[in-house]
């Protein structure tokens, strides 16, 4: 995965008031870390209409 990519992620299981659904997320971890580690840091996207 490349930093800045938008990927769809199933955010299950939800905790507390979180909504369990598939949402677009932006990859924010560094590219080199994404190649080496088994964990990728993402930020879920949301919007209000």
N, C-alpha and C. Protein backbone atom coordinates (compact mmCIF):
# COMPACT_ATOMS: atom_id res chain seq x y z
N UNK A 1 0.84 -1.17 0.00
CA UNK A 1 0.00 0.00 0.00
C UNK A 1 0.89 1.24 0.00
N UNK A 2 0.44 2.25 -0.68
CA UNK A 2 1.20 3.48 -0.81
C UNK A 2 0.54 4.58 0.02
N UNK A 3 1.37 5.35 0.73
CA UNK A 3 0.85 6.46 1.53
C UNK A 3 0.01 7.39 0.67
N UNK A 4 -1.16 7.77 1.16
CA UNK A 4 -2.06 8.65 0.43
C UNK A 4 -3.11 7.90 -0.37
N UNK A 5 -2.97 6.58 -0.47
CA UNK A 5 -3.96 5.78 -1.19
C UNK A 5 -5.27 5.75 -0.41
N UNK A 6 -6.37 5.70 -1.15
CA UNK A 6 -7.69 5.53 -0.53
C UNK A 6 -8.09 4.08 -0.74
N UNK A 7 -8.39 3.40 0.37
CA UNK A 7 -8.77 1.99 0.33
C UNK A 7 -10.07 1.80 1.09
N UNK A 8 -10.84 0.78 0.71
CA UNK A 8 -12.08 0.45 1.42
C UNK A 8 -11.74 -0.57 2.50
N UNK A 9 -12.19 -0.30 3.74
CA UNK A 9 -11.86 -1.15 4.88
C UNK A 9 -13.14 -1.50 5.63
N UNK A 10 -13.31 -2.79 5.95
CA UNK A 10 -14.43 -3.23 6.79
C UNK A 10 -14.03 -2.96 8.24
N UNK A 11 -14.68 -2.00 8.87
CA UNK A 11 -14.33 -1.59 10.23
C UNK A 11 -15.15 -2.37 11.26
N UNK A 12 -14.98 -3.67 11.25
CA UNK A 12 -15.66 -4.55 12.19
C UNK A 12 -14.61 -5.22 13.06
N UNK A 13 -14.84 -5.49 14.30
CA UNK A 13 -16.02 -5.13 15.07
C UNK A 13 -15.95 -3.69 15.57
N UNK A 14 -17.09 -3.10 15.73
CA UNK A 14 -17.18 -1.73 16.23
C UNK A 14 -17.09 -1.73 17.75
N UNK A 15 -16.61 -0.62 18.30
CA UNK A 15 -16.54 -0.47 19.75
C UNK A 15 -17.29 0.79 20.14
N UNK A 16 -18.05 0.71 21.21
CA UNK A 16 -18.77 1.89 21.71
C UNK A 16 -19.74 2.43 20.68
N UNK A 17 -19.60 3.73 20.34
CA UNK A 17 -20.52 4.39 19.41
C UNK A 17 -20.09 4.27 17.95
N UNK A 18 -19.03 3.52 17.67
CA UNK A 18 -18.56 3.37 16.29
C UNK A 18 -19.59 2.64 15.44
N UNK A 19 -19.62 2.98 14.18
CA UNK A 19 -20.55 2.34 13.25
C UNK A 19 -19.82 1.23 12.50
N UNK A 20 -20.31 -0.02 12.60
CA UNK A 20 -19.63 -1.14 11.93
C UNK A 20 -20.03 -1.23 10.46
N UNK A 21 -19.22 -0.69 9.58
CA UNK A 21 -19.52 -0.78 8.16
C UNK A 21 -18.23 -0.60 7.37
N UNK A 22 -18.30 -0.79 6.08
CA UNK A 22 -17.16 -0.61 5.21
C UNK A 22 -17.08 0.86 4.82
N UNK A 23 -15.90 1.45 5.03
CA UNK A 23 -15.73 2.89 4.77
C UNK A 23 -14.43 3.13 4.02
N UNK A 24 -14.36 4.24 3.27
CA UNK A 24 -13.10 4.59 2.63
C UNK A 24 -12.13 5.12 3.70
N UNK A 25 -10.85 4.77 3.54
CA UNK A 25 -9.83 5.20 4.48
C UNK A 25 -8.59 5.62 3.71
N UNK A 26 -7.82 6.55 4.27
CA UNK A 26 -6.58 7.01 3.67
C UNK A 26 -5.42 6.36 4.41
N UNK A 27 -4.47 5.81 3.67
CA UNK A 27 -3.27 5.22 4.25
C UNK A 27 -2.33 6.37 4.64
N UNK A 28 -1.93 6.43 5.93
CA UNK A 28 -1.07 7.51 6.40
C UNK A 28 0.31 7.05 6.86
N UNK A 29 0.51 5.73 6.98
CA UNK A 29 1.83 5.26 7.38
C UNK A 29 2.80 5.34 6.21
N UNK A 30 4.09 5.42 6.53
CA UNK A 30 5.12 5.57 5.50
C UNK A 30 5.21 4.33 4.62
N UNK A 31 5.58 4.53 3.37
CA UNK A 31 5.67 3.43 2.40
C UNK A 31 6.62 2.33 2.86
N UNK A 32 7.77 2.69 3.39
CA UNK A 32 8.75 1.70 3.84
C UNK A 32 8.18 0.87 4.99
N UNK A 33 7.43 1.51 5.88
CA UNK A 33 6.81 0.78 6.99
C UNK A 33 5.73 -0.16 6.47
N UNK A 34 5.00 0.26 5.44
CA UNK A 34 3.96 -0.59 4.86
C UNK A 34 4.54 -1.85 4.24
N UNK A 35 5.76 -1.76 3.71
CA UNK A 35 6.41 -2.92 3.09
C UNK A 35 6.91 -3.91 4.14
N UNK A 36 7.36 -3.39 5.28
CA UNK A 36 8.00 -4.24 6.30
C UNK A 36 7.00 -4.75 7.33
N UNK A 37 6.16 -3.88 7.84
CA UNK A 37 5.27 -4.23 8.95
C UNK A 37 4.01 -4.94 8.47
N UNK A 38 3.37 -5.62 9.40
CA UNK A 38 2.10 -6.27 9.09
C UNK A 38 0.91 -5.37 9.41
N UNK A 39 1.20 -4.19 9.96
CA UNK A 39 0.16 -3.23 10.33
C UNK A 39 0.32 -1.96 9.50
N UNK A 40 -0.81 -1.47 8.98
CA UNK A 40 -0.82 -0.23 8.19
C UNK A 40 -1.68 0.77 8.95
N UNK A 41 -1.23 2.01 9.08
CA UNK A 41 -1.99 3.04 9.76
C UNK A 41 -2.90 3.74 8.75
N UNK A 42 -4.20 3.81 9.09
CA UNK A 42 -5.19 4.43 8.21
C UNK A 42 -6.02 5.44 8.97
N UNK A 43 -6.69 6.32 8.23
CA UNK A 43 -7.63 7.27 8.82
C UNK A 43 -8.96 7.10 8.08
N UNK A 44 -10.02 6.71 8.79
CA UNK A 44 -11.32 6.59 8.14
C UNK A 44 -11.85 7.95 7.69
N UNK A 45 -12.51 7.96 6.56
CA UNK A 45 -13.11 9.18 6.02
C UNK A 45 -14.59 9.20 6.30
N UNK A 46 -15.14 10.38 6.53
CA UNK A 46 -16.58 10.54 6.72
C UNK A 46 -16.96 11.95 6.29
N UNK A 47 -18.24 12.16 6.09
CA UNK A 47 -18.72 13.47 5.71
C UNK A 47 -20.16 13.62 6.16
N UNK A 48 -20.59 14.86 6.30
CA UNK A 48 -21.99 15.17 6.64
C UNK A 48 -22.64 15.79 5.42
N UNK A 49 -23.88 15.43 5.19
CA UNK A 49 -24.60 16.03 4.06
C UNK A 49 -25.66 16.97 4.55
